Amino acid sequence: MENNLATSTGSVNYGEMAKFMGIPQSSGDAEKKTSQLARVKLLHKPVMGQQEVAGKMKNMEIVEAGSYSVTLPDERLVYVSKLNIRPFMQRFQFQRWDGNYKSDEGKEGRMLKTVLAKSLNQDLKDNYGGYNCGRPSGYVEDFKALPQKTQELMRQTKRVKVMFGLCTLDKAMDENGEPVDVKEFPFFMNVKNRDSYKNMDALYTSIQRKNRLPIHYHVILSGEVKSIPTGVTYGVINAKLGKTVEVTTDDQEVLNNFVDWVGATNSSI
C-alpha cells in the first residue's frame, strides 16, 4: 500500500509539527479528513496454524509471541518480528472493557474509549456519553481511601498512548508463514501495558534530550515476552533509535492526514 499523499509547499515548521505530534516543546493547538491507516498490534500470544511435517498436518506455532501483527486497510493480516517506524504523532486516551454491560439486543460487553487528546490531564468525553470511561476526574491523592468499587474501576481503565507514523516491514509473512511484500504504509498503534508505555516514554525523552523530534529518526521496535507470578505471559515493546532522517515538506502533508484522522475519530466519539 502506498501513502498517496500530496506534497505541501513552503518551509518545514518544526514548532508546528511538534505541536501536532503531542511533543511538549513549544505550546499550541490543532484540527478534518481521514486517511486509511493500518493497525499495528504487539502479539501477547503466539499465532498457531497447520503445517505439514513428514506428510502429516500438525498444529504448530507460526508466529511467536512478541512479534507484531499488521492489519492493512484492505483487511490483509501480516506478521513481522520487528518494525521500522518513523513516529509522526502521539495522542492519549482512556479505554475500559465493560464486561457487565448488556445491550437491548442481548449483546454482552462493550469497549469504552475516550476522545484522543494531547494529554490525559483533563476530562475526556467517552463514546457512551460519560467522561474518562467512568474514572474519577483529576489526580487521586489517596487511592486506598476510594471506595473499593472505584478502585477496581480505575484498575480496569487503561491509559493508552496512540502512536501514528510510517512503517516499513522486513521479512513479513502471512498467517501461513509465507513471505509477503508490503510497501511503506501509515499506521497507528495502541501502547497499553506499563512496561511498553515506559519504554516508549524513555525513547521519546532520549530524543528530546538531543533537541530533535521523533520524526527525525527511524525507530526499530522489537518485542519480548514477560510473565506475571500467575504464569500469564504478555508482550512488551522494546524500542531503539535507528538512522536519522531529513524532514521534508512532504512530511507535513503526512502529518496533516494523521491530524485529520484523529479529528474524524473524535467526532465519531
C-alpha atoms as a PDB file:
ATOM      1  CA  MET A   1       0.000   0.000   0.000  1.00  0.00           C
ATOM      2  CA  GLU A   2       1.268   3.488  -0.803  1.00  0.00           C
ATOM      3  CA  ASN A   3       0.696   6.702   1.122  1.00  0.00           C
ATOM      4  CA  ASN A   4      -0.825   8.633  -1.817  1.00  0.00           C
ATOM      5  CA  LEU A   5      -0.298  11.914  -0.018  1.00  0.00           C
ATOM      6  CA  ALA A   6       0.154  15.159  -1.919  1.00  0.00           C
ATOM      7  CA  THR A   7       3.238  17.332  -1.476  1.00  0.00           C
ATOM      8  CA  SER A   8       2.725  20.526   0.511  1.00  0.00           C
ATOM      9  CA  THR A   9       4.713  23.639  -0.317  1.00  0.00           C
ATOM     10  CA  GLY A  10       6.660  26.025   1.854  1.00  0.00           C
ATOM     11  CA  SER A  11       9.310  25.527   4.529  1.00  0.00           C
ATOM     12  CA  VAL A  12       9.093  22.951   7.303  1.00  0.00           C
ATOM     13  CA  ASN A  13       7.724  24.459  10.532  1.00  0.00           C
ATOM     14  CA  TYR A  14       9.229  22.297  13.316  1.00  0.00           C
ATOM     15  CA  GLY A  15       7.387  24.118  16.106  1.00  0.00           C
ATOM     16  CA  GLU A  16       4.062  23.493  14.393  1.00  0.00           C
ATOM     17  CA  MET A  17       4.966  19.848  13.810  1.00  0.00           C
ATOM     18  CA  ALA A  18       5.952  19.375  17.461  1.00  0.00           C
ATOM     19  CA  LYS A  19       2.594  20.825  18.491  1.00  0.00           C
ATOM     20  CA  PHE A  20       0.638  18.403  16.299  1.00  0.00           C
ATOM     21  CA  MET A  21       2.752  15.438  17.371  1.00  0.00           C
ATOM     22  CA  GLY A  22       1.874  15.982  21.024  1.00  0.00           C
ATOM     23  CA  ILE A  23       5.533  16.546  21.906  1.00  0.00           C
ATOM     24  CA  PRO A  24       5.917  19.064  24.777  1.00  0.00           C
ATOM     25  CA  GLN A  25       8.236  21.584  23.112  1.00  0.00           C
ATOM     26  CA  SER A  26       6.503  24.854  22.394  1.00  0.00           C
ATOM     27  CA  SER A  27       2.807  25.381  23.117  1.00  0.00           C
ATOM     28  CA  GLY A  28      -0.096  25.242  20.684  1.00  0.00           C
ATOM     29  CA  ASP A  29      -3.292  23.603  19.372  1.00  0.00           C
ATOM     30  CA  ALA A  30      -4.992  21.905  16.273  1.00  0.00           C
ATOM     31  CA  GLU A  31      -7.793  20.049  13.944  1.00  0.00           C
ATOM     32  CA  LYS A  32     -10.732  17.180   9.346  1.00  0.00           C
ATOM     33  CA  LYS A  33     -10.466  14.438   6.676  1.00  0.00           C
ATOM     34  CA  THR A  34      -9.412  10.829   7.100  1.00  0.00           C
ATOM     35  CA  SER A  35      -6.601   8.720   5.746  1.00  0.00           C
ATOM     36  CA  GLN A  36      -6.721   4.949   5.792  1.00  0.00           C
ATOM     37  CA  LEU A  37      -4.368   3.626   8.417  1.00  0.00           C
ATOM     38  CA  ALA A  38      -3.046   0.158   9.109  1.00  0.00           C
ATOM     39  CA  ARG A  39      -3.425  -1.090  12.673  1.00  0.00           C
ATOM     40  CA  VAL A  40      -0.289  -2.457  14.339  1.00  0.00           C
ATOM     41  CA  LYS A  41      -0.506  -4.702  17.423  1.00  0.00           C
ATOM     42  CA  LEU A  42       2.048  -6.461  19.594  1.00  0.00           C
ATOM     43  CA  LEU A  43       1.253 -10.160  19.985  1.00  0.00           C
ATOM     44  CA  HIS A  44       0.945 -11.371  23.581  1.00  0.00           C
ATOM     45  CA  LYS A  45       0.364 -14.969  22.466  1.00  0.00           C
ATOM     46  CA  PRO A  46       1.790 -16.981  19.562  1.00  0.00           C
ATOM     47  CA  VAL A  47      -0.234 -17.475  16.390  1.00  0.00           C
ATOM     48  CA  MET A  48      -0.886 -21.181  15.810  1.00  0.00           C
ATOM     49  CA  GLY A  49      -1.524 -22.840  12.459  1.00  0.00           C
ATOM     50  CA  GLN A  50      -1.374 -26.064  10.496  1.00  0.00           C
ATOM     51  CA  GLN A  51       1.858 -27.137   8.822  1.00  0.00           C
ATOM     52  CA  GLU A  52       2.818 -30.341   7.087  1.00  0.00           C
ATOM     53  CA  VAL A  53       5.534 -32.350   8.852  1.00  0.00           C
ATOM     54  CA  ALA A  54       6.617 -35.736   7.451  1.00  0.00           C
ATOM     55  CA  GLY A  55       3.416 -35.940   5.412  1.00  0.00           C
ATOM     56  CA  LYS A  56       1.105 -35.102   8.330  1.00  0.00           C
ATOM     57  CA  MET A  57      -0.611 -31.824   9.206  1.00  0.00           C
ATOM     58  CA  LYS A  58       0.376 -30.662  12.677  1.00  0.00           C
ATOM     59  CA  ASN A  59      -0.721 -27.740  14.819  1.00  0.00           C
ATOM     60  CA  MET A  60       2.369 -25.557  15.155  1.00  0.00           C
ATOM     61  CA  GLU A  61       3.448 -22.088  16.228  1.00  0.00           C
ATOM     62  CA  ILE A  62       3.545 -19.969  13.053  1.00  0.00           C
ATOM     63  CA  VAL A  63       4.285 -16.599  14.669  1.00  0.00           C
ATOM     64  CA  GLU A  64       5.863 -16.311  18.100  1.00  0.00           C
ATOM     65  CA  ALA A  65       4.635 -14.063  20.908  1.00  0.00           C
ATOM     66  CA  GLY A  66       6.449 -10.724  20.989  1.00  0.00           C
ATOM     67  CA  SER A  67       6.062 -10.335  17.212  1.00  0.00           C
ATOM     68  CA  TYR A  68       3.758  -7.787  15.573  1.00  0.00           C
ATOM     69  CA  SER A  69       0.566  -8.164  13.587  1.00  0.00           C
ATOM     70  CA  VAL A  70      -0.410  -5.587  10.972  1.00  0.00           C
ATOM     71  CA  THR A  71      -3.979  -5.283   9.726  1.00  0.00           C
ATOM     72  CA  LEU A  72      -3.768  -3.391   6.440  1.00  0.00           C
ATOM     73  CA  PRO A  73      -6.645  -1.188   5.189  1.00  0.00           C
ATOM     74  CA  ASP A  74      -7.679  -3.925   2.728  1.00  0.00           C
ATOM     75  CA  GLU A  75      -8.052  -6.281   5.765  1.00  0.00           C
ATOM     76  CA  ARG A  76      -4.974  -8.342   4.885  1.00  0.00           C
ATOM     77  CA  LEU A  77      -3.195  -9.550   8.005  1.00  0.00           C
ATOM     78  CA  VAL A  78       0.596  -9.840   8.032  1.00  0.00           C
ATOM     79  CA  TYR A  79       3.154 -10.580  10.741  1.00  0.00           C
ATOM     80  CA  VAL A  80       6.713  -9.463  11.400  1.00  0.00           C
ATOM     81  CA  SER A  81       9.247  -9.849  14.223  1.00  0.00           C
ATOM     82  CA  LYS A  82      10.467  -6.220  14.079  1.00  0.00           C
ATOM     83  CA  LEU A  83       9.092  -2.914  12.841  1.00  0.00           C
ATOM     84  CA  ASN A  84      10.968   0.015  11.329  1.00  0.00           C
ATOM     85  CA  ILE A  85       8.849   3.094  12.018  1.00  0.00           C
ATOM     86  CA  ARG A  86       9.042   6.870  11.724  1.00  0.00           C
ATOM     87  CA  PRO A  87       6.935   8.303  14.579  1.00  0.00           C
ATOM     88  CA  PHE A  88       4.952  11.344  13.444  1.00  0.00           C
ATOM     89  CA  MET A  89       2.490  11.954  16.246  1.00  0.00           C
ATOM     90  CA  GLN A  90       1.161  10.662  19.550  1.00  0.00           C
ATOM     91  CA  ARG A  91      -2.169  11.065  21.284  1.00  0.00           C
ATOM     92  CA  PHE A  92      -3.637   9.697  24.534  1.00  0.00           C
ATOM     93  CA  GLN A  93      -6.944   8.236  25.635  1.00  0.00           C
ATOM     94  CA  PHE A  94      -8.570   6.084  28.324  1.00  0.00           C
ATOM     95  CA  GLN A  95     -10.024   2.678  27.453  1.00  0.00           C
ATOM     96  CA  ARG A  96     -12.006   0.191  29.556  1.00  0.00           C
ATOM     97  CA  TRP A  97     -13.765  -3.066  28.743  1.00  0.00           C
ATOM     98  CA  ASP A  98     -17.185  -3.099  30.451  1.00  0.00           C
ATOM     99  CA  GLY A  99     -17.979  -6.802  30.781  1.00  0.00           C
ATOM    100  CA  ASN A 100     -21.159  -6.205  32.813  1.00  0.00           C
ATOM    101  CA  TYR A 101     -22.926  -4.296  30.047  1.00  0.00           C
ATOM    102  CA  LYS A 102     -25.779  -5.970  28.160  1.00  0.00           C
ATOM    103  CA  SER A 103     -27.433  -4.248  25.200  1.00  0.00           C
ATOM    104  CA  ASP A 104     -31.154  -4.323  24.393  1.00  0.00           C
ATOM    105  CA  GLU A 105     -30.332  -6.913  21.722  1.00  0.00           C
ATOM    106  CA  GLY A 106     -28.661  -9.133  24.322  1.00  0.00           C
ATOM    107  CA  LYS A 107     -25.073  -8.395  23.306  1.00  0.00           C
ATOM    108  CA  GLU A 108     -22.739  -8.616  26.303  1.00  0.00           C
ATOM    109  CA  GLY A 109     -19.828  -6.290  26.963  1.00  0.00           C
ATOM    110  CA  ARG A 110     -18.701  -3.048  25.377  1.00  0.00           C
ATOM    111  CA  MET A 111     -15.445  -1.142  24.916  1.00  0.00           C
ATOM    112  CA  LEU A 112     -15.447   2.331  26.387  1.00  0.00           C
ATOM    113  CA  LYS A 113     -12.929   4.766  24.954  1.00  0.00           C
ATOM    114  CA  THR A 114     -12.426   8.491  25.177  1.00  0.00           C
ATOM    115  CA  VAL A 115     -11.516  11.013  22.535  1.00  0.00           C
ATOM    116  CA  LEU A 116      -7.841  11.195  21.595  1.00  0.00           C
ATOM    117  CA  ALA A 117      -6.095  14.102  23.309  1.00  0.00           C
ATOM    118  CA  LYS A 118      -2.620  15.584  23.671  1.00  0.00           C
ATOM    119  CA  SER A 119      -2.562  14.674  27.362  1.00  0.00           C
ATOM    120  CA  LEU A 120      -4.638  12.884  29.992  1.00  0.00           C
ATOM    121  CA  ASN A 121      -4.559  15.884  32.342  1.00  0.00           C
ATOM    122  CA  GLN A 122      -8.165  16.819  31.564  1.00  0.00           C
ATOM    123  CA  ASP A 123     -11.650  15.319  31.452  1.00  0.00           C
ATOM    124  CA  LEU A 124     -12.142  13.426  28.191  1.00  0.00           C
ATOM    125  CA  LYS A 125     -15.523  12.572  26.671  1.00  0.00           C
ATOM    126  CA  ASP A 126     -16.080   8.881  26.053  1.00  0.00           C
ATOM    127  CA  ASN A 127     -18.140   7.036  23.447  1.00  0.00           C
ATOM    128  CA  TYR A 128     -21.030   6.253  25.827  1.00  0.00           C
ATOM    129  CA  GLY A 129     -21.840   9.791  26.935  1.00  0.00           C
ATOM    130  CA  GLY A 130     -19.646   9.975  30.029  1.00  0.00           C
ATOM    131  CA  TYR A 131     -16.141  11.128  30.832  1.00  0.00           C
ATOM    132  CA  ASN A 132     -12.878   9.239  31.349  1.00  0.00           C
ATOM    133  CA  CYS A 133     -14.654   5.849  30.946  1.00  0.00           C
ATOM    134  CA  GLY A 134     -16.071   6.361  34.471  1.00  0.00           C
ATOM    135  CA  ARG A 135     -12.722   7.103  36.070  1.00  0.00           C
ATOM    136  CA  PRO A 136     -12.712   9.980  38.637  1.00  0.00           C
ATOM    137  CA  SER A 137     -11.510  13.380  37.426  1.00  0.00           C
ATOM    138  CA  GLY A 138      -8.088  14.746  38.230  1.00  0.00           C
ATOM    139  CA  TYR A 139      -5.247  13.396  40.339  1.00  0.00           C
ATOM    140  CA  VAL A 140      -6.236  10.926  43.066  1.00  0.00           C
ATOM    141  CA  GLU A 141      -4.073  11.653  46.112  1.00  0.00           C
ATOM    142  CA  ASP A 142      -5.122   8.708  48.289  1.00  0.00           C
ATOM    143  CA  PHE A 143      -6.090   5.740  46.113  1.00  0.00           C
ATOM    144  CA  LYS A 144      -6.746   3.458  49.097  1.00  0.00           C
ATOM    145  CA  ALA A 145      -9.268   5.939  50.542  1.00  0.00           C
ATOM    146  CA  LEU A 146     -11.519   5.488  47.498  1.00  0.00           C
ATOM    147  CA  PRO A 147     -14.456   3.053  47.637  1.00  0.00           C
ATOM    148  CA  GLN A 148     -13.447  -0.466  46.600  1.00  0.00           C
ATOM    149  CA  LYS A 149     -15.664  -0.298  43.526  1.00  0.00           C
ATOM    150  CA  THR A 150     -13.951   2.911  42.358  1.00  0.00           C
ATOM    151  CA  GLN A 151     -10.510   1.407  42.945  1.00  0.00           C
ATOM    152  CA  GLU A 152     -11.407  -1.590  40.802  1.00  0.00           C
ATOM    153  CA  LEU A 153     -12.814   0.606  38.050  1.00  0.00           C
ATOM    154  CA  MET A 154      -9.580   2.636  37.981  1.00  0.00           C
ATOM    155  CA  ARG A 155      -7.501  -0.557  37.753  1.00  0.00           C
ATOM    156  CA  GLN A 156      -9.619  -1.672  34.787  1.00  0.00           C
ATOM    157  CA  THR A 157      -9.265   1.678  32.982  1.00  0.00           C
ATOM    158  CA  LYS A 158      -6.181   1.681  30.786  1.00  0.00           C
ATOM    159  CA  ARG A 159      -4.257   4.782  29.869  1.00  0.00           C
ATOM    160  CA  VAL A 160      -3.337   4.381  26.208  1.00  0.00           C
ATOM    161  CA  LYS A 161      -0.623   6.055  24.163  1.00  0.00           C
ATOM    162  CA  VAL A 162      -1.681   6.002  20.498  1.00  0.00           C
ATOM    163  CA  MET A 163       1.240   6.290  18.104  1.00  0.00           C
ATOM    164  CA  PHE A 164       0.973   7.396  14.466  1.00  0.00           C
ATOM    165  CA  GLY A 165       3.658   7.158  11.819  1.00  0.00           C
ATOM    166  CA  LEU A 166       5.043   5.483   8.737  1.00  0.00           C
ATOM    167  CA  CYS A 167       6.093   1.842   8.905  1.00  0.00           C
ATOM    168  CA  THR A 168       8.364  -0.407   6.848  1.00  0.00           C
ATOM    169  CA  LEU A 169       8.312  -4.193   7.222  1.00  0.00           C
ATOM    170  CA  ASP A 170      11.261  -6.515   6.698  1.00  0.00           C
ATOM    171  CA  LYS A 171      10.652 -10.252   6.210  1.00  0.00           C
ATOM    172  CA  ALA A 172       6.883 -10.015   6.690  1.00  0.00           C
ATOM    173  CA  MET A 173       4.775 -13.166   6.430  1.00  0.00           C
ATOM    174  CA  ASP A 174       1.128 -14.136   6.171  1.00  0.00           C
ATOM    175  CA  GLU A 175      -0.812 -16.410   8.549  1.00  0.00           C
ATOM    176  CA  ASN A 176       0.636 -19.456   6.767  1.00  0.00           C
ATOM    177  CA  GLY A 177       4.213 -18.331   7.310  1.00  0.00           C
ATOM    178  CA  GLU A 178       4.631 -17.426   3.621  1.00  0.00           C
ATOM    179  CA  PRO A 179       6.719 -14.315   2.823  1.00  0.00           C
ATOM    180  CA  VAL A 180       4.817 -11.228   1.635  1.00  0.00           C
ATOM    181  CA  ASP A 181       5.986  -7.893   0.241  1.00  0.00           C
ATOM    182  CA  VAL A 182       4.453  -4.778   1.790  1.00  0.00           C
ATOM    183  CA  LYS A 183       5.410  -1.206   0.865  1.00  0.00           C
ATOM    184  CA  GLU A 184       5.802   1.585   3.438  1.00  0.00           C
ATOM    185  CA  PHE A 185       2.415   2.493   4.957  1.00  0.00           C
ATOM    186  CA  PRO A 186       0.870   4.894   7.504  1.00  0.00           C
ATOM    187  CA  PHE A 187      -0.208   3.221  10.751  1.00  0.00           C
ATOM    188  CA  PHE A 188      -1.498   3.667  14.277  1.00  0.00           C
ATOM    189  CA  MET A 189      -0.712   1.536  17.324  1.00  0.00           C
ATOM    190  CA  ASN A 190      -2.097   1.470  20.864  1.00  0.00           C
ATOM    191  CA  VAL A 191       0.516   1.179  23.613  1.00  0.00           C
ATOM    192  CA  LYS A 192      -1.190  -0.051  26.782  1.00  0.00           C
ATOM    193  CA  ASN A 193       0.830  -2.144  29.207  1.00  0.00           C
ATOM    194  CA  ARG A 194       3.020  -0.372  31.738  1.00  0.00           C
ATOM    195  CA  ASP A 195       6.368  -1.776  30.558  1.00  0.00           C
ATOM    196  CA  SER A 196       5.729  -0.878  26.903  1.00  0.00           C
ATOM    197  CA  TYR A 197       4.445   2.564  27.898  1.00  0.00           C
ATOM    198  CA  LYS A 198       7.560   3.183  29.995  1.00  0.00           C
ATOM    199  CA  ASN A 199       9.889   2.041  27.206  1.00  0.00           C
ATOM    200  CA  MET A 200       8.270   4.356  24.655  1.00  0.00           C
ATOM    201  CA  ASP A 201       8.356   7.286  27.104  1.00  0.00           C
ATOM    202  CA  ALA A 202      12.072   6.660  27.649  1.00  0.00           C
ATOM    203  CA  LEU A 203      12.674   6.677  23.896  1.00  0.00           C
ATOM    204  CA  TYR A 204      10.823   9.972  23.429  1.00  0.00           C
ATOM    205  CA  THR A 205      12.721  11.500  26.355  1.00  0.00           C
ATOM    206  CA  SER A 206      16.058  10.472  24.829  1.00  0.00           C
ATOM    207  CA  ILE A 207      15.050  12.149  21.547  1.00  0.00           C
ATOM    208  CA  GLN A 208      14.049  15.356  23.325  1.00  0.00           C
ATOM    209  CA  ARG A 209      17.426  15.447  25.077  1.00  0.00           C
ATOM    210  CA  LYS A 210      19.012  15.530  21.635  1.00  0.00           C
ATOM    211  CA  ASN A 211      16.849  18.576  20.839  1.00  0.00           C
ATOM    212  CA  ARG A 212      15.194  16.699  17.980  1.00  0.00           C
ATOM    213  CA  LEU A 213      11.703  15.449  17.128  1.00  0.00           C
ATOM    214  CA  PRO A 214      10.732  11.764  16.820  1.00  0.00           C
ATOM    215  CA  ILE A 215      10.095  12.326  13.118  1.00  0.00           C
ATOM    216  CA  HIS A 216      13.848  12.876  12.680  1.00  0.00           C
ATOM    217  CA  TYR A 217      14.510   9.176  13.326  1.00  0.00           C
ATOM    218  CA  HIS A 218      13.775   5.704  12.199  1.00  0.00           C
ATOM    219  CA  VAL A 219      12.858   3.679  15.290  1.00  0.00           C
ATOM    220  CA  ILE A 220      13.262  -0.077  15.491  1.00  0.00           C
ATOM    221  CA  LEU A 221      10.538  -1.805  17.509  1.00  0.00           C
ATOM    222  CA  SER A 222      11.085  -5.353  18.706  1.00  0.00           C
ATOM    223  CA  GLY A 223       9.225  -7.353  21.345  1.00  0.00           C
ATOM    224  CA  GLU A 224       9.899  -9.628  24.284  1.00  0.00           C
ATOM    225  CA  VAL A 225       7.664 -11.838  26.378  1.00  0.00           C
ATOM    226  CA  LYS A 226       7.370 -11.357  30.141  1.00  0.00           C
ATOM    227  CA  SER A 227       5.204 -13.095  32.717  1.00  0.00           C
ATOM    228  CA  ILE A 228       3.438 -12.288  35.985  1.00  0.00           C
ATOM    229  CA  PRO A 229       3.590 -14.560  39.076  1.00  0.00           C
ATOM    230  CA  THR A 230       0.443 -16.426  37.987  1.00  0.00           C
ATOM    231  CA  GLY A 231       2.291 -17.578  34.880  1.00  0.00           C
ATOM    232  CA  VAL A 232       0.305 -15.417  32.444  1.00  0.00           C
ATOM    233  CA  THR A 233       2.587 -14.027  29.725  1.00  0.00           C
ATOM    234  CA  TYR A 234       2.419 -10.698  27.934  1.00  0.00           C
ATOM    235  CA  GLY A 235       4.384  -8.917  25.230  1.00  0.00           C
ATOM    236  CA  VAL A 236       6.496  -5.819  25.842  1.00  0.00           C
ATOM    237  CA  ILE A 237       7.571  -3.295  23.211  1.00  0.00           C
ATOM    238  CA  ASN A 238      11.301  -2.538  23.082  1.00  0.00           C
ATOM    239  CA  ALA A 239      12.455   0.479  21.087  1.00  0.00           C
ATOM    240  CA  LYS A 240      15.800   1.785  19.894  1.00  0.00           C
ATOM    241  CA  LEU A 241      16.819   4.660  17.666  1.00  0.00           C
ATOM    242  CA  GLY A 242      17.847   3.900  14.109  1.00  0.00           C
ATOM    243  CA  LYS A 243      19.095   6.204  11.359  1.00  0.00           C
ATOM    244  CA  THR A 244      18.330   9.924  11.304  1.00  0.00           C
ATOM    245  CA  VAL A 245      16.009  11.311   8.624  1.00  0.00           C
ATOM    246  CA  GLU A 246      15.806  14.684   6.938  1.00  0.00           C
ATOM    247  CA  VAL A 247      12.311  16.134   7.348  1.00  0.00           C
ATOM    248  CA  THR A 248      10.694  17.384   4.128  1.00  0.00           C
ATOM    249  CA  THR A 249       7.592  19.360   3.226  1.00  0.00           C
ATOM    250  CA  ASP A 250       6.009  16.041   2.178  1.00  0.00           C
ATOM    251  CA  ASP A 251       6.140  15.009   5.834  1.00  0.00           C
ATOM    252  CA  GLN A 252       3.934  17.918   6.844  1.00  0.00           C
ATOM    253  CA  GLU A 253       1.247  16.645   4.470  1.00  0.00           C
ATOM    254  CA  VAL A 254       1.517  13.178   6.030  1.00  0.00           C
ATOM    255  CA  LEU A 255       1.204  14.759   9.467  1.00  0.00           C
ATOM    256  CA  ASN A 256      -1.869  16.721   8.365  1.00  0.00           C
ATOM    257  CA  ASN A 257      -3.507  13.435   7.366  1.00  0.00           C
ATOM    258  CA  PHE A 258      -2.894  11.978  10.836  1.00  0.00           C
ATOM    259  CA  VAL A 259      -4.377  15.096  12.446  1.00  0.00           C
ATOM    260  CA  ASP A 260      -7.438  14.778  10.183  1.00  0.00           C
ATOM    261  CA  TRP A 261      -7.807  11.090  11.106  1.00  0.00           C
ATOM    262  CA  VAL A 262      -7.800  11.961  14.813  1.00  0.00           C
ATOM    263  CA  GLY A 263     -10.336  14.743  14.211  1.00  0.00           C
ATOM    264  CA  ALA A 264     -12.686  12.357  12.394  1.00  0.00           C
ATOM    265  CA  THR A 265     -12.273   9.699  15.100  1.00  0.00           C
ATOM    266  CA  ASN A 266     -13.016  12.198  17.881  1.00  0.00           C
ATOM    267  CA  SER A 267     -16.091  13.453  16.014  1.00  0.00           C
ATOM    268  CA  SER A 268     -17.458   9.902  15.885  1.00  0.00           C
ATOM    269  CA  ILE A 269     -16.917   9.501  19.648  1.00  0.00           C
END
